[in-house]
Amino acid sequence: MADIFKEVDEDLRRDNAAKVWKKYGALIIGAAVVVILAVAGLQVWRAYDLDQRGKRSDQFATALDAAATGDTVSAQEALRGLSDPTAGGYRGLAAFEEARLRADNGDIDGAIVIWDRLAETSSLGESLQAAAVILSVLHQIDTGDAQALRQRLEPLTTEGQAYRAAALELSALLALRQGDQEAARTLYSSIADDRNAPAGARGRATQMLAALKG
């Protein structure tokens, strides 16, 4: 008797399943197709992205090789289409190299524009953004608005910043431009007393402190 009820139950289950499939089968198939296409699309995108990264890597390496041998024209040609100050990865690094080449060839204003855009590109990471600020300020140290440049450097002068010593040193030079020797002495003292600062920076700071006392 129990077997009969079991068979009836199974028939009902099959009947319900058939009704569900008849009513929603098209939607289920459609959802499955969407999932399959999404997974396939993701795989295609990953393959494309990997291929593009490889091409950008080769292009960047070509530019560096050309720049290292003094072939500026070939280096700039290799960087054309790759450099993008608003992007991370090889595009951002290529922008750094483009700015350096521009500066070396006398186009300081063009280089500063690139460095300033790099400084605002969060995808590069804080260290590279800070490096862009340092390079931009360094190339404006004699001509830029001293107070505005000091304000740009201020966030980089706090403890733990990767380029703290460089930011302090540039800030001290800008203070001297403004005639603020007291601020310059304070900044140089911060470098001289910082054991984590590079030896060269500490040495220059010590010399400048001695000169300011004299």
N, C-alpha and C. Protein backbone atom coordinates (compact mmCIF):
# COMPACT_ATOMS: atom_id res chain seq x y z
N MET A 1 0.84 -1.21 0.00
CA MET A 1 0.00 0.00 0.00
C MET A 1 0.87 1.25 0.00
N ALA A 2 1.91 1.23 0.76
CA ALA A 2 2.84 2.36 0.84
C ALA A 2 3.46 2.63 -0.52
N ASP A 3 3.76 1.58 -1.30
CA ASP A 3 4.36 1.74 -2.62
C ASP A 3 3.43 2.47 -3.57
N ILE A 4 2.14 2.21 -3.47
CA ILE A 4 1.17 2.87 -4.33
C ILE A 4 1.15 4.37 -4.07
N PHE A 5 1.10 4.74 -2.77
CA PHE A 5 1.11 6.16 -2.42
C PHE A 5 2.41 6.84 -2.89
N LYS A 6 3.50 6.11 -2.82
CA LYS A 6 4.80 6.65 -3.26
C LYS A 6 4.77 6.93 -4.75
N GLU A 7 4.19 5.99 -5.54
CA GLU A 7 4.10 6.18 -6.98
C GLU A 7 3.22 7.37 -7.33
N VAL A 8 2.08 7.49 -6.63
CA VAL A 8 1.17 8.61 -6.86
C VAL A 8 1.88 9.93 -6.56
N ASP A 9 2.65 9.96 -5.44
CA ASP A 9 3.38 11.17 -5.06
C ASP A 9 4.40 11.56 -6.12
N GLU A 10 5.11 10.55 -6.64
CA GLU A 10 6.11 10.81 -7.67
C GLU A 10 5.46 11.33 -8.94
N ASP A 11 4.27 10.75 -9.31
CA ASP A 11 3.55 11.22 -10.49
C ASP A 11 3.13 12.68 -10.34
N LEU A 12 2.67 13.00 -9.13
CA LEU A 12 2.26 14.39 -8.87
C LEU A 12 3.45 15.34 -8.98
N ARG A 13 4.58 14.87 -8.46
CA ARG A 13 5.80 15.70 -8.51
C ARG A 13 6.20 15.92 -9.98
N ARG A 14 6.16 14.83 -10.78
CA ARG A 14 6.52 14.97 -12.18
C ARG A 14 5.55 15.89 -12.91
N ASP A 15 4.26 15.75 -12.57
CA ASP A 15 3.23 16.58 -13.20
C ASP A 15 3.45 18.05 -12.87
N ASN A 16 3.74 18.35 -11.60
CA ASN A 16 4.00 19.72 -11.18
C ASN A 16 5.25 20.28 -11.86
N ALA A 17 6.27 19.41 -11.95
CA ALA A 17 7.51 19.84 -12.60
C ALA A 17 7.27 20.17 -14.06
N ALA A 18 6.42 19.36 -14.71
CA ALA A 18 6.11 19.61 -16.12
C ALA A 18 5.38 20.94 -16.27
N LYS A 19 4.43 21.20 -15.34
CA LYS A 19 3.69 22.45 -15.41
C LYS A 19 4.62 23.65 -15.19
N VAL A 20 5.53 23.52 -14.20
CA VAL A 20 6.49 24.60 -13.91
C VAL A 20 7.37 24.86 -15.12
N TRP A 21 7.87 23.76 -15.72
CA TRP A 21 8.76 23.90 -16.87
C TRP A 21 8.03 24.54 -18.06
N LYS A 22 6.74 24.09 -18.26
CA LYS A 22 5.95 24.62 -19.36
C LYS A 22 5.72 26.12 -19.18
N LYS A 23 5.54 26.55 -17.93
CA LYS A 23 5.23 27.95 -17.65
C LYS A 23 6.48 28.83 -17.63
N TYR A 24 7.58 28.30 -17.04
CA TYR A 24 8.76 29.13 -16.83
C TYR A 24 9.99 28.65 -17.60
N GLY A 25 9.86 27.62 -18.40
CA GLY A 25 11.02 27.05 -19.08
C GLY A 25 11.79 28.06 -19.91
N ALA A 26 11.04 28.90 -20.66
CA ALA A 26 11.71 29.89 -21.52
C ALA A 26 12.54 30.86 -20.70
N LEU A 27 11.99 31.27 -19.53
CA LEU A 27 12.72 32.19 -18.66
C LEU A 27 13.98 31.54 -18.09
N ILE A 28 13.82 30.25 -17.71
CA ILE A 28 14.97 29.53 -17.14
C ILE A 28 16.08 29.41 -18.17
N ILE A 29 15.70 29.04 -19.41
CA ILE A 29 16.68 28.92 -20.49
C ILE A 29 17.33 30.29 -20.75
N GLY A 30 16.48 31.33 -20.78
CA GLY A 30 17.00 32.68 -21.03
C GLY A 30 18.01 33.10 -19.97
N ALA A 31 17.70 32.82 -18.69
CA ALA A 31 18.61 33.16 -17.60
C ALA A 31 19.92 32.40 -17.73
N ALA A 32 19.80 31.11 -18.11
CA ALA A 32 21.00 30.30 -18.26
C ALA A 32 21.88 30.84 -19.38
N VAL A 33 21.23 31.25 -20.48
CA VAL A 33 21.99 31.81 -21.61
C VAL A 33 22.70 33.10 -21.19
N VAL A 34 21.99 33.94 -20.43
CA VAL A 34 22.60 35.19 -19.96
C VAL A 34 23.84 34.90 -19.11
N VAL A 35 23.72 33.94 -18.20
CA VAL A 35 24.86 33.58 -17.35
C VAL A 35 26.02 33.08 -18.19
N ILE A 36 25.72 32.21 -19.17
CA ILE A 36 26.77 31.66 -20.02
C ILE A 36 27.47 32.76 -20.81
N LEU A 37 26.64 33.66 -21.37
CA LEU A 37 27.21 34.75 -22.15
C LEU A 37 28.05 35.68 -21.28
N ALA A 38 27.57 35.92 -20.04
CA ALA A 38 28.31 36.80 -19.13
C ALA A 38 29.67 36.20 -18.79
N VAL A 39 29.69 34.89 -18.50
CA VAL A 39 30.95 34.22 -18.17
C VAL A 39 31.87 34.24 -19.38
N ALA A 40 31.30 33.95 -20.56
CA ALA A 40 32.11 33.95 -21.78
C ALA A 40 32.66 35.35 -22.05
N GLY A 41 31.80 36.38 -21.85
CA GLY A 41 32.24 37.76 -22.06
C GLY A 41 33.36 38.14 -21.12
N LEU A 42 33.26 37.69 -19.87
CA LEU A 42 34.30 37.97 -18.90
C LEU A 42 35.63 37.35 -19.31
N GLN A 43 35.56 36.11 -19.80
CA GLN A 43 36.78 35.44 -20.24
C GLN A 43 37.39 36.15 -21.44
N VAL A 44 36.53 36.58 -22.37
CA VAL A 44 37.03 37.30 -23.54
C VAL A 44 37.69 38.61 -23.12
N TRP A 45 37.03 39.34 -22.18
CA TRP A 45 37.59 40.60 -21.71
C TRP A 45 38.93 40.39 -21.02
N ARG A 46 39.03 39.34 -20.21
CA ARG A 46 40.29 39.06 -19.53
C ARG A 46 41.40 38.76 -20.53
N ALA A 47 41.06 37.98 -21.56
CA ALA A 47 42.05 37.66 -22.58
C ALA A 47 42.48 38.92 -23.33
N TYR A 48 41.49 39.77 -23.65
CA TYR A 48 41.78 41.03 -24.35
C TYR A 48 42.65 41.93 -23.47
N ASP A 49 42.27 42.05 -22.19
CA ASP A 49 43.01 42.92 -21.26
C ASP A 49 44.45 42.43 -21.12
N LEU A 50 44.62 41.11 -21.01
CA LEU A 50 45.97 40.54 -20.88
C LEU A 50 46.80 40.84 -22.13
N ASP A 51 46.15 40.71 -23.29
CA ASP A 51 46.83 40.99 -24.55
C ASP A 51 47.23 42.45 -24.63
N GLN A 52 46.32 43.34 -24.21
CA GLN A 52 46.62 44.77 -24.25
C GLN A 52 47.73 45.14 -23.27
N ARG A 53 47.71 44.50 -22.10
CA ARG A 53 48.77 44.76 -21.12
C ARG A 53 50.12 44.34 -21.68
N GLY A 54 50.12 43.20 -22.37
CA GLY A 54 51.36 42.73 -22.97
C GLY A 54 51.88 43.70 -24.02
N LYS A 55 50.97 44.20 -24.86
CA LYS A 55 51.36 45.17 -25.88
C LYS A 55 51.86 46.46 -25.25
N ARG A 56 51.17 46.93 -24.20
CA ARG A 56 51.60 48.16 -23.54
C ARG A 56 52.96 47.97 -22.89
N SER A 57 53.18 46.79 -22.32
CA SER A 57 54.48 46.50 -21.70
C SER A 57 55.59 46.56 -22.74
N ASP A 58 55.36 45.96 -23.90
CA ASP A 58 56.37 45.97 -24.96
C ASP A 58 56.61 47.40 -25.46
N GLN A 59 55.53 48.15 -25.61
CA GLN A 59 55.64 49.52 -26.10
C GLN A 59 56.41 50.39 -25.11
N PHE A 60 56.13 50.20 -23.82
CA PHE A 60 56.81 50.97 -22.79
C PHE A 60 58.30 50.61 -22.74
N ALA A 61 58.61 49.32 -22.84
CA ALA A 61 60.00 48.88 -22.83
C ALA A 61 60.76 49.46 -24.02
N THR A 62 60.11 49.52 -25.18
CA THR A 62 60.72 50.11 -26.37
C THR A 62 61.05 51.58 -26.14
N ALA A 63 60.12 52.29 -25.52
CA ALA A 63 60.33 53.71 -25.23
C ALA A 63 61.50 53.91 -24.28
N LEU A 64 61.57 53.09 -23.24
CA LEU A 64 62.67 53.21 -22.27
C LEU A 64 64.01 52.92 -22.92
N ASP A 65 64.05 51.90 -23.76
CA ASP A 65 65.30 51.55 -24.45
C ASP A 65 65.76 52.70 -25.34
N ALA A 66 64.81 53.29 -26.06
CA ALA A 66 65.14 54.40 -26.95
C ALA A 66 65.63 55.61 -26.16
N ALA A 67 64.95 55.90 -25.04
CA ALA A 67 65.35 57.03 -24.20
C ALA A 67 66.74 56.81 -23.60
N ALA A 68 67.02 55.57 -23.21
CA ALA A 68 68.31 55.26 -22.59
C ALA A 68 69.46 55.45 -23.57
N THR A 69 69.21 55.25 -24.86
CA THR A 69 70.26 55.41 -25.88
C THR A 69 70.28 56.82 -26.46
N GLY A 70 69.43 57.69 -25.94
CA GLY A 70 69.41 59.07 -26.41
C GLY A 70 68.56 59.31 -27.64
N ASP A 71 67.84 58.31 -28.07
CA ASP A 71 66.99 58.44 -29.25
C ASP A 71 65.62 58.99 -28.82
N THR A 72 65.58 60.28 -28.58
CA THR A 72 64.37 60.91 -28.05
C THR A 72 63.20 60.80 -29.02
N VAL A 73 63.47 60.94 -30.31
CA VAL A 73 62.40 60.90 -31.30
C VAL A 73 61.71 59.53 -31.27
N SER A 74 62.50 58.45 -31.26
CA SER A 74 61.93 57.11 -31.22
C SER A 74 61.21 56.86 -29.90
N ALA A 75 61.75 57.40 -28.81
CA ALA A 75 61.11 57.24 -27.50
C ALA A 75 59.75 57.90 -27.48
N GLN A 76 59.68 59.13 -27.99
CA GLN A 76 58.41 59.84 -28.02
C GLN A 76 57.41 59.15 -28.94
N GLU A 77 57.90 58.59 -30.03
CA GLU A 77 57.01 57.87 -30.94
C GLU A 77 56.44 56.62 -30.28
N ALA A 78 57.30 55.92 -29.51
CA ALA A 78 56.83 54.72 -28.81
C ALA A 78 55.82 55.06 -27.73
N LEU A 79 55.97 56.25 -27.14
CA LEU A 79 55.06 56.66 -26.08
C LEU A 79 53.73 57.19 -26.62
N ARG A 80 53.73 57.59 -27.90
CA ARG A 80 52.53 58.15 -28.49
C ARG A 80 51.39 57.12 -28.47
N GLY A 81 50.28 57.49 -27.93
CA GLY A 81 49.14 56.58 -27.85
C GLY A 81 49.15 55.71 -26.60
N LEU A 82 50.29 55.67 -25.89
CA LEU A 82 50.37 54.86 -24.67
C LEU A 82 50.25 55.74 -23.43
N SER A 83 50.91 56.89 -23.47
CA SER A 83 50.92 57.79 -22.31
C SER A 83 49.52 58.32 -22.00
N ASP A 84 49.13 58.22 -20.73
CA ASP A 84 47.84 58.75 -20.27
C ASP A 84 47.96 59.11 -18.80
N PRO A 85 48.11 60.41 -18.48
CA PRO A 85 48.29 60.83 -17.08
C PRO A 85 47.10 60.52 -16.18
N THR A 86 45.95 60.20 -16.77
CA THR A 86 44.75 59.94 -15.96
C THR A 86 44.54 58.45 -15.72
N ALA A 87 45.49 57.63 -16.13
CA ALA A 87 45.33 56.17 -15.99
C ALA A 87 46.47 55.60 -15.17
N GLY A 88 46.24 54.40 -14.64
CA GLY A 88 47.28 53.71 -13.91
C GLY A 88 48.07 52.80 -14.84
N GLY A 89 48.81 51.87 -14.25
CA GLY A 89 49.54 50.89 -15.04
C GLY A 89 50.58 51.51 -15.94
N TYR A 90 50.81 50.85 -17.08
CA TYR A 90 51.83 51.32 -18.01
C TYR A 90 51.50 52.68 -18.60
N ARG A 91 50.22 53.00 -18.71
CA ARG A 91 49.84 54.30 -19.26
C ARG A 91 50.32 55.44 -18.35
N GLY A 92 50.15 55.26 -17.05
CA GLY A 92 50.62 56.26 -16.10
C GLY A 92 52.13 56.36 -16.08
N LEU A 93 52.81 55.21 -16.09
CA LEU A 93 54.27 55.20 -16.10
C LEU A 93 54.80 55.85 -17.38
N ALA A 94 54.12 55.59 -18.49
CA ALA A 94 54.52 56.19 -19.76
C ALA A 94 54.37 57.71 -19.69
N ALA A 95 53.35 58.17 -18.99
CA ALA A 95 53.16 59.62 -18.83
C ALA A 95 54.31 60.23 -18.04
N PHE A 96 54.78 59.53 -17.01
CA PHE A 96 55.95 60.01 -16.27
C PHE A 96 57.15 60.14 -17.20
N GLU A 97 57.36 59.13 -18.04
CA GLU A 97 58.49 59.15 -18.96
C GLU A 97 58.33 60.25 -20.00
N GLU A 98 57.09 60.46 -20.48
CA GLU A 98 56.86 61.53 -21.43
C GLU A 98 57.17 62.89 -20.81
N ALA A 99 56.76 63.08 -19.56
CA ALA A 99 57.04 64.35 -18.88
C ALA A 99 58.54 64.55 -18.71
N ARG A 100 59.25 63.49 -18.37
CA ARG A 100 60.71 63.61 -18.21
C ARG A 100 61.37 64.01 -19.52
N LEU A 101 60.94 63.36 -20.61
CA LEU A 101 61.51 63.69 -21.92
C LEU A 101 61.20 65.13 -22.31
N ARG A 102 59.99 65.56 -22.03
CA ARG A 102 59.63 66.95 -22.32
C ARG A 102 60.51 67.92 -21.54
N ALA A 103 60.71 67.64 -20.26
CA ALA A 103 61.53 68.52 -19.43
C ALA A 103 62.98 68.53 -19.92
N ASP A 104 63.50 67.37 -20.26
CA ASP A 104 64.88 67.28 -20.75
C ASP A 104 65.07 68.05 -22.05
N ASN A 105 63.99 68.18 -22.82
CA ASN A 105 64.07 68.87 -24.11
C ASN A 105 63.59 70.32 -24.03
N GLY A 106 63.44 70.81 -22.80
CA GLY A 106 63.13 72.22 -22.62
C GLY A 106 61.66 72.57 -22.52
N ASP A 107 60.78 71.59 -22.70
CA ASP A 107 59.34 71.87 -22.60
C ASP A 107 58.89 71.68 -21.15
N ILE A 108 59.35 72.59 -20.30
CA ILE A 108 59.04 72.49 -18.87
C ILE A 108 57.54 72.64 -18.61
N ASP A 109 56.93 73.59 -19.29
CA ASP A 109 55.49 73.82 -19.08
C ASP A 109 54.68 72.58 -19.45
N GLY A 110 55.04 71.94 -20.57
CA GLY A 110 54.34 70.72 -20.98
C GLY A 110 54.52 69.61 -19.98
N ALA A 111 55.74 69.50 -19.43
CA ALA A 111 56.02 68.47 -18.42
C ALA A 111 55.22 68.72 -17.15
N ILE A 112 55.14 69.97 -16.74
CA ILE A 112 54.41 70.31 -15.51
C ILE A 112 52.93 69.97 -15.65
N VAL A 113 52.36 70.22 -16.83
CA VAL A 113 50.95 69.88 -17.06
C VAL A 113 50.72 68.39 -16.84
N ILE A 114 51.64 67.57 -17.35
CA ILE A 114 51.52 66.11 -17.19
C ILE A 114 51.67 65.71 -15.73
N TRP A 115 52.69 66.26 -15.06
CA TRP A 115 52.90 65.91 -13.65
C TRP A 115 51.70 66.31 -12.79
N ASP A 116 51.14 67.46 -13.07
CA ASP A 116 49.99 67.91 -12.29
C ASP A 116 48.78 67.00 -12.50
N ARG A 117 48.60 66.50 -13.72
CA ARG A 117 47.50 65.55 -13.97
C ARG A 117 47.78 64.22 -13.30
N LEU A 118 49.03 63.80 -13.32
CA LEU A 118 49.40 62.56 -12.63
C LEU A 118 49.16 62.67 -11.13
N ALA A 119 49.42 63.84 -10.57
CA ALA A 119 49.23 64.05 -9.14
C ALA A 119 47.78 63.89 -8.72
N GLU A 120 46.86 64.05 -9.67
CA GLU A 120 45.43 63.93 -9.37
C GLU A 120 44.87 62.56 -9.71
N THR A 121 45.71 61.65 -10.19
CA THR A 121 45.25 60.33 -10.64
C THR A 121 45.37 59.32 -9.51
N SER A 122 44.27 59.05 -8.83
CA SER A 122 44.28 58.18 -7.65
C SER A 122 44.65 56.73 -7.98
N SER A 123 44.38 56.30 -9.23
CA SER A 123 44.68 54.91 -9.59
C SER A 123 46.17 54.62 -9.61
N LEU A 124 47.01 55.66 -9.60
CA LEU A 124 48.46 55.47 -9.56
C LEU A 124 48.93 55.03 -8.18
N GLY A 125 48.21 55.41 -7.16
CA GLY A 125 48.64 55.15 -5.79
C GLY A 125 49.30 56.39 -5.20
N GLU A 126 49.29 56.50 -3.89
CA GLU A 126 49.75 57.71 -3.21
C GLU A 126 51.22 58.02 -3.46
N SER A 127 52.07 56.99 -3.52
CA SER A 127 53.51 57.24 -3.70
C SER A 127 53.80 57.89 -5.04
N LEU A 128 53.21 57.37 -6.12
CA LEU A 128 53.45 57.96 -7.44
C LEU A 128 52.79 59.33 -7.56
N GLN A 129 51.65 59.50 -6.92
CA GLN A 129 51.02 60.82 -6.92
C GLN A 129 51.93 61.83 -6.23
N ALA A 130 52.51 61.41 -5.11
CA ALA A 130 53.42 62.29 -4.37
C ALA A 130 54.66 62.61 -5.22
N ALA A 131 55.17 61.61 -5.92
CA ALA A 131 56.33 61.82 -6.78
C ALA A 131 56.02 62.85 -7.86
N ALA A 132 54.80 62.80 -8.40
CA ALA A 132 54.40 63.76 -9.42
C ALA A 132 54.36 65.18 -8.85
N VAL A 133 53.88 65.32 -7.62
CA VAL A 133 53.86 66.64 -6.97
C VAL A 133 55.28 67.15 -6.79
N ILE A 134 56.17 66.30 -6.29
CA ILE A 134 57.56 66.69 -6.07
C ILE A 134 58.20 67.17 -7.37
N LEU A 135 58.02 66.41 -8.45
CA LEU A 135 58.62 66.77 -9.73
C LEU A 135 58.03 68.08 -10.27
N SER A 136 56.74 68.25 -10.12
CA SER A 136 56.10 69.48 -10.58
C SER A 136 56.64 70.69 -9.83
N VAL A 137 56.70 70.60 -8.51
CA VAL A 137 57.18 71.72 -7.69
C VAL A 137 58.66 71.99 -7.96
N LEU A 138 59.44 70.92 -8.08
CA LEU A 138 60.87 71.06 -8.33
C LEU A 138 61.14 71.90 -9.58
N HIS A 139 60.34 71.68 -10.60
CA HIS A 139 60.56 72.40 -11.87
C HIS A 139 59.91 73.78 -11.88
N GLN A 140 59.30 74.16 -10.75
CA GLN A 140 58.74 75.52 -10.62
C GLN A 140 59.38 76.27 -9.46
N ILE A 141 60.43 75.69 -8.90
CA ILE A 141 60.99 76.20 -7.65
C ILE A 141 61.43 77.65 -7.75
N ASP A 142 61.88 78.09 -8.95
CA ASP A 142 62.36 79.46 -9.12
C ASP A 142 61.32 80.39 -9.71
N THR A 143 60.27 79.84 -10.29
CA THR A 143 59.34 80.69 -11.04
C THR A 143 57.89 80.64 -10.56
N GLY A 144 57.51 79.57 -9.89
CA GLY A 144 56.12 79.42 -9.48
C GLY A 144 55.76 80.26 -8.28
N ASP A 145 54.48 80.28 -7.96
CA ASP A 145 53.98 80.98 -6.77
C ASP A 145 54.48 80.22 -5.54
N ALA A 146 55.41 80.83 -4.82
CA ALA A 146 56.06 80.14 -3.70
C ALA A 146 55.07 79.67 -2.65
N GLN A 147 54.13 80.50 -2.28
CA GLN A 147 53.17 80.13 -1.24
C GLN A 147 52.26 78.99 -1.70
N ALA A 148 51.81 79.07 -2.94
CA ALA A 148 50.94 78.02 -3.47
C ALA A 148 51.70 76.69 -3.55
N LEU A 149 52.96 76.76 -3.93
CA LEU A 149 53.77 75.53 -4.02
C LEU A 149 54.01 74.94 -2.63
N ARG A 150 54.24 75.80 -1.64
CA ARG A 150 54.42 75.29 -0.26
C ARG A 150 53.16 74.60 0.23
N GLN A 151 52.01 75.14 -0.13
CA GLN A 151 50.75 74.53 0.28
C GLN A 151 50.57 73.15 -0.38
N ARG A 152 51.02 73.02 -1.62
CA ARG A 152 50.93 71.73 -2.30
C ARG A 152 51.81 70.69 -1.61
N LEU A 153 52.95 71.15 -1.12
CA LEU A 153 53.91 70.23 -0.50
C LEU A 153 53.54 69.85 0.94
N GLU A 154 52.77 70.69 1.59
CA GLU A 154 52.50 70.51 3.02
C GLU A 154 52.01 69.11 3.39
N PRO A 155 51.05 68.52 2.63
CA PRO A 155 50.60 67.17 3.01
C PRO A 155 51.70 66.12 2.93
N LEU A 156 52.74 66.40 2.16
CA LEU A 156 53.83 65.43 1.98
C LEU A 156 54.92 65.58 3.04
N THR A 157 54.80 66.58 3.90
CA THR A 157 55.84 66.83 4.92
C THR A 157 55.54 66.16 6.25
N THR A 158 54.42 65.46 6.33
CA THR A 158 54.06 64.80 7.59
C THR A 158 54.83 63.50 7.76
N GLU A 159 54.90 63.03 8.99
CA GLU A 159 55.61 61.78 9.30
C GLU A 159 55.04 60.61 8.51
N GLY A 160 55.94 59.77 8.00
CA GLY A 160 55.52 58.57 7.31
C GLY A 160 55.34 58.72 5.81
N GLN A 161 55.39 59.95 5.31
CA GLN A 161 55.25 60.16 3.87
C GLN A 161 56.53 59.71 3.15
N ALA A 162 56.34 59.07 1.99
CA ALA A 162 57.47 58.48 1.26
C ALA A 162 58.50 59.52 0.84
N TYR A 163 58.06 60.70 0.47
CA TYR A 163 58.97 61.74 -0.02
C TYR A 163 59.04 62.92 0.96
N ARG A 164 58.96 62.62 2.24
CA ARG A 164 58.93 63.68 3.25
C ARG A 164 60.16 64.56 3.19
N ALA A 165 61.34 63.97 3.11
CA ALA A 165 62.58 64.76 3.11
C ALA A 165 62.63 65.69 1.91
N ALA A 166 62.25 65.18 0.74
CA ALA A 166 62.26 66.01 -0.46
C ALA A 166 61.25 67.15 -0.34
N ALA A 167 60.08 66.84 0.21
CA ALA A 167 59.05 67.87 0.38
C ALA A 167 59.51 68.95 1.36
N LEU A 168 60.16 68.54 2.44
CA LEU A 168 60.68 69.50 3.41
C LEU A 168 61.77 70.37 2.80
N GLU A 169 62.65 69.75 2.02
CA GLU A 169 63.76 70.50 1.42
C GLU A 169 63.24 71.52 0.41
N LEU A 170 62.30 71.11 -0.41
CA LEU A 170 61.72 72.05 -1.37
C LEU A 170 60.96 73.17 -0.65
N SER A 171 60.27 72.81 0.43
CA SER A 171 59.54 73.81 1.21
C SER A 171 60.50 74.83 1.81
N ALA A 172 61.67 74.36 2.27
CA ALA A 172 62.67 75.26 2.84
C ALA A 172 63.20 76.23 1.78
N LEU A 173 63.45 75.73 0.57
CA LEU A 173 63.92 76.59 -0.51
C LEU A 173 62.87 77.64 -0.87
N LEU A 174 61.61 77.23 -0.88
CA LEU A 174 60.54 78.18 -1.17
C LEU A 174 60.42 79.22 -0.06
N ALA A 175 60.61 78.78 1.19
CA ALA A 175 60.58 79.72 2.31
C ALA A 175 61.69 80.77 2.16
N LEU A 176 62.87 80.33 1.74
CA LEU A 176 63.97 81.26 1.52
C LEU A 176 63.64 82.24 0.40
N ARG A 177 62.95 81.77 -0.63
CA ARG A 177 62.52 82.66 -1.72
C ARG A 177 61.61 83.76 -1.18
N GLN A 178 60.83 83.39 -0.16
CA GLN A 178 59.90 84.36 0.43
C GLN A 178 60.57 85.22 1.50
N GLY A 179 61.84 84.94 1.77
CA GLY A 179 62.55 85.69 2.79
C GLY A 179 62.25 85.23 4.21
N ASP A 180 61.64 84.07 4.35
CA ASP A 180 61.26 83.55 5.66
C ASP A 180 62.34 82.58 6.16
N GLN A 181 63.43 83.14 6.68
CA GLN A 181 64.56 82.32 7.12
C GLN A 181 64.21 81.46 8.34
N GLU A 182 63.35 81.96 9.19
CA GLU A 182 62.97 81.19 10.39
C GLU A 182 62.26 79.89 9.98
N ALA A 183 61.34 80.00 9.05
CA ALA A 183 60.63 78.81 8.57
C ALA A 183 61.61 77.87 7.88
N ALA A 184 62.55 78.42 7.13
CA ALA A 184 63.55 77.59 6.44
C ALA A 184 64.40 76.83 7.45
N ARG A 185 64.82 77.51 8.53
CA ARG A 185 65.61 76.84 9.56
C ARG A 185 64.83 75.70 10.21
N THR A 186 63.56 75.94 10.48
CA THR A 186 62.71 74.91 11.09
C THR A 186 62.61 73.69 10.18
N LEU A 187 62.43 73.94 8.91
CA LEU A 187 62.28 72.85 7.94
C LEU A 187 63.59 72.08 7.78
N TYR A 188 64.70 72.79 7.69
CA TYR A 188 65.99 72.11 7.58
C TYR A 188 66.31 71.31 8.84
N SER A 189 65.92 71.83 9.99
CA SER A 189 66.14 71.10 11.26
C SER A 189 65.35 69.80 11.26
N SER A 190 64.13 69.84 10.72
CA SER A 190 63.32 68.63 10.66
C SER A 190 64.00 67.55 9.82
N ILE A 191 64.67 67.98 8.75
CA ILE A 191 65.39 67.01 7.91
C ILE A 191 66.62 66.49 8.63
N ALA A 192 67.40 67.41 9.19
CA ALA A 192 68.66 67.03 9.85
C ALA A 192 68.42 66.08 11.02
N ASP A 193 67.28 66.23 11.71
CA ASP A 193 66.98 65.40 12.88
C ASP A 193 66.25 64.11 12.55
N ASP A 194 65.91 63.93 11.28
CA ASP A 194 65.13 62.75 10.87
C ASP A 194 66.08 61.63 10.46
N ARG A 195 66.17 60.60 11.29
CA ARG A 195 67.07 59.48 10.99
C ARG A 195 66.62 58.67 9.78
N ASN A 196 65.36 58.79 9.43
CA ASN A 196 64.86 58.07 8.27
C ASN A 196 65.08 58.80 6.96
N ALA A 197 65.53 60.05 7.05
CA ALA A 197 65.78 60.83 5.85
C ALA A 197 67.06 60.34 5.17
N PRO A 198 67.15 60.43 3.85
CA PRO A 198 68.37 60.03 3.15
C PRO A 198 69.58 60.81 3.67
N ALA A 199 70.72 60.18 3.66
CA ALA A 199 71.94 60.81 4.18
C ALA A 199 72.26 62.09 3.42
N GLY A 200 72.06 62.08 2.12
CA GLY A 200 72.34 63.28 1.32
C GLY A 200 71.48 64.45 1.74
N ALA A 201 70.20 64.19 1.98
CA ALA A 201 69.28 65.24 2.40
C ALA A 201 69.67 65.79 3.77
N ARG A 202 70.04 64.89 4.68
CA ARG A 202 70.46 65.34 6.02
C ARG A 202 71.72 66.19 5.92
N GLY A 203 72.66 65.76 5.06
CA GLY A 203 73.90 66.52 4.90
C GLY A 203 73.64 67.91 4.35
N ARG A 204 72.81 68.03 3.35
CA ARG A 204 72.50 69.34 2.78
C ARG A 204 71.78 70.21 3.80
N ALA A 205 70.87 69.60 4.57
CA ALA A 205 70.14 70.36 5.59
C ALA A 205 71.10 70.91 6.65
N THR A 206 72.06 70.08 7.06
CA THR A 206 73.03 70.52 8.06
C THR A 206 73.88 71.69 7.52
N GLN A 207 74.28 71.61 6.26
CA GLN A 207 75.06 72.67 5.65
C GLN A 207 74.25 73.97 5.55
N MET A 208 72.97 73.83 5.18
CA MET A 208 72.13 75.02 5.06
C MET A 208 71.87 75.65 6.42
N LEU A 209 71.74 74.85 7.46
CA LEU A 209 71.56 75.38 8.81
C LEU A 209 72.79 76.18 9.24
N ALA A 210 73.97 75.64 8.93
CA ALA A 210 75.21 76.34 9.26
C ALA A 210 75.31 77.66 8.49
N ALA A 211 74.90 77.64 7.21
CA ALA A 211 74.96 78.84 6.40
C ALA A 211 73.97 79.88 6.90
N LEU A 212 72.80 79.47 7.32
CA LEU A 212 71.80 80.40 7.82
C LEU A 212 72.21 81.00 9.16
N LYS A 213 72.91 80.25 9.97
CA LYS A 213 73.41 80.79 11.25
C LYS A 213 74.48 81.83 10.99
N GLY A 214 75.32 81.56 9.96
CA GLY A 214 76.39 82.49 9.63
C GLY A 214 75.84 83.80 9.07
